[in-house]
Protein backbone atom coordinates (compact mmCIF):
# COMPACT_ATOMS: atom_id res chain seq x y z
CA MET A 1 8.48 -6.15 -2.09
CA GLY A 2 6.55 -2.93 -1.53
CA CYS A 3 9.51 -0.87 -2.72
CA LEU A 4 9.74 -2.98 -5.87
CA GLY A 5 6.03 -2.46 -6.50
CA ALA A 6 6.37 1.30 -5.99
CA MET A 7 9.40 1.43 -8.29
CA LEU A 8 7.57 -0.49 -11.03
CA GLY A 9 4.59 1.82 -10.60
CA VAL A 10 6.83 4.81 -11.21
CA ILE A 11 8.27 3.16 -14.31
CA VAL A 12 4.81 2.37 -15.70
CA THR A 13 3.39 5.79 -14.88
CA LEU A 14 6.22 8.14 -15.81
CA LEU A 15 7.85 6.27 -18.64
CA GLY A 16 4.77 4.53 -20.01
CA TRP A 17 6.48 1.16 -20.08
CA GLU A 18 3.74 -1.44 -19.82
CA ARG A 19 6.16 -4.22 -20.71
CA THR A 20 9.56 -4.45 -19.08
CA PHE A 21 12.27 -7.01 -18.41
CA PHE A 22 13.14 -7.58 -22.07
CA GLU A 23 9.45 -7.70 -23.08
CA LEU A 24 8.85 -10.70 -20.78
CA ALA A 25 6.56 -9.20 -18.15
CA ASP A 26 3.38 -7.24 -18.74
CA LEU A 27 3.18 -4.93 -15.71
CA GLY A 28 -0.12 -3.20 -16.37
CA LEU A 29 -1.70 -2.94 -12.93
CA TRP A 30 0.19 -5.86 -11.35
CA TRP A 31 2.65 -3.54 -9.63
CA TRP A 32 -0.17 -2.66 -7.21
CA ALA A 33 -0.23 -6.27 -6.01
CA LEU A 34 3.46 -6.07 -5.12
CA LEU A 35 2.91 -2.79 -3.27
CA PHE A 36 -0.04 -4.12 -1.25
CA ALA A 37 1.78 -7.38 -0.48
CA GLY A 38 4.72 -5.36 0.84
CA LEU A 39 2.46 -3.18 3.00
CA THR A 40 0.68 -6.24 4.38
CA LEU A 41 3.97 -7.94 5.26
CA MET A 42 5.37 -4.76 6.85
CA GLY A 43 2.23 -4.38 8.96
CA LEU A 44 2.36 -8.00 10.08
CA SER A 45 6.04 -7.78 10.97
CA ALA A 46 5.53 -4.63 13.08
CA LEU A 47 2.64 -6.02 15.15
CA PRO A 48 4.71 -8.08 17.65
CA SER A 49 6.82 -5.04 18.57
CA GLU A 50 5.31 -3.11 21.48
CA ALA A 51 6.73 0.20 20.25
CA GLN A 52 5.43 -0.17 16.70
CA ARG A 53 2.11 -1.94 17.26
CA ARG A 54 -0.11 1.06 16.36
CA LEU A 55 1.93 1.86 13.27
CA GLY A 56 1.93 -1.79 12.22
CA ALA A 57 -1.84 -2.01 12.65
CA LEU A 58 -2.37 1.09 10.50
CA VAL A 59 -0.06 -0.21 7.77
CA LEU A 60 -1.77 -3.61 7.88
CA VAL A 61 -5.24 -2.07 7.63
CA SER A 62 -4.05 0.17 4.81
CA GLY A 63 -2.68 -2.83 2.92
CA GLY A 64 -5.97 -4.69 3.42
CA LEU A 65 -7.97 -1.74 2.12
CA GLY A 66 -5.66 -1.61 -0.88
CA TRP A 67 -6.22 -5.31 -1.60
CA VAL A 68 -10.00 -4.88 -1.53
CA SER A 69 -9.71 -1.85 -3.80
CA LEU A 70 -7.49 -3.71 -6.27
CA LEU A 71 -9.62 -6.84 -6.36
CA ALA A 72 -12.72 -4.71 -7.01
CA ASP A 73 -11.09 -2.67 -9.79
CA PRO A 74 -12.75 -3.46 -13.13
CA ALA A 75 -9.51 -2.61 -14.95
CA PHE A 76 -7.47 -5.17 -12.97
CA PRO A 77 -7.18 -8.44 -14.92
CA ALA A 78 -7.63 -10.65 -11.83
CA ALA A 79 -10.51 -8.70 -10.25
CA LEU A 80 -12.68 -10.94 -8.09
CA MET A 81 -15.66 -8.60 -7.94
CA PRO A 82 -15.35 -5.81 -10.52
CA VAL A 83 -17.51 -3.11 -8.93
CA ARG A 84 -16.35 0.43 -9.62
CA SER A 85 -18.06 2.04 -6.59
CA VAL A 86 -16.47 -0.47 -4.18
CA HIS A 87 -13.10 0.14 -5.81
CA VAL A 88 -13.41 3.92 -5.44
CA VAL A 89 -14.52 3.81 -1.78
CA PHE A 90 -11.76 1.43 -0.72
CA ALA A 91 -9.15 3.32 -2.75
CA ALA A 92 -10.10 6.52 -0.92
CA ALA A 93 -9.91 4.70 2.43
CA PHE A 94 -6.50 3.30 1.42
CA CYS A 95 -5.26 6.82 0.67
CA LEU A 96 -6.50 8.12 4.02
CA GLY A 97 -4.81 5.19 5.74
CA CYS A 98 -1.53 6.03 4.02
CA VAL A 99 -1.84 9.64 5.13
CA SER A 100 -2.47 8.44 8.71
CA TRP A 101 0.56 6.20 9.00
CA GLY A 102 2.67 8.67 7.05
CA GLY A 103 1.76 11.28 9.65
CA MET A 104 2.74 8.86 12.41
CA LEU A 105 6.12 8.38 10.77
CA LEU A 106 6.67 12.13 10.44
CA VAL A 107 5.73 12.91 14.03
CA GLY A 108 7.94 10.15 15.38
CA PRO A 109 7.57 8.11 18.52
CA HIS A 110 6.00 9.68 21.57
CA ARG A 111 8.33 9.43 24.55
CA PRO A 112 6.56 9.75 27.89
CA GLY A 113 8.36 11.66 30.60
CA ARG A 114 10.18 14.09 28.33
CA SER A 115 9.27 17.72 28.37
CA LYS A 116 8.69 19.59 25.11
CA SER A 117 10.57 22.71 26.18
């Protein structure tokens, strides 16, 4: 779901296609909802695993911050509380969260007992 949201975001941003699927769906900003739903589900699915608990928690928190940002965005059609300053703060926190778990993915798992030589 998150990959679909990201793909639709690329289509909307790069190609400027607001309406896709034979003019049936108006994407606008709705692709963000798919992306945040995917992040939330990935975070929840990684929590039970002992090895991925920290990564899952970061992804889950990042998805939650994204939801708050989206639902506070005045440009989003289904905004619950359209407050620009709240949107900006939570969007920045979402971006920092993505950088954090992206860094965790790049570094890889820490394996105790192995030397770094």
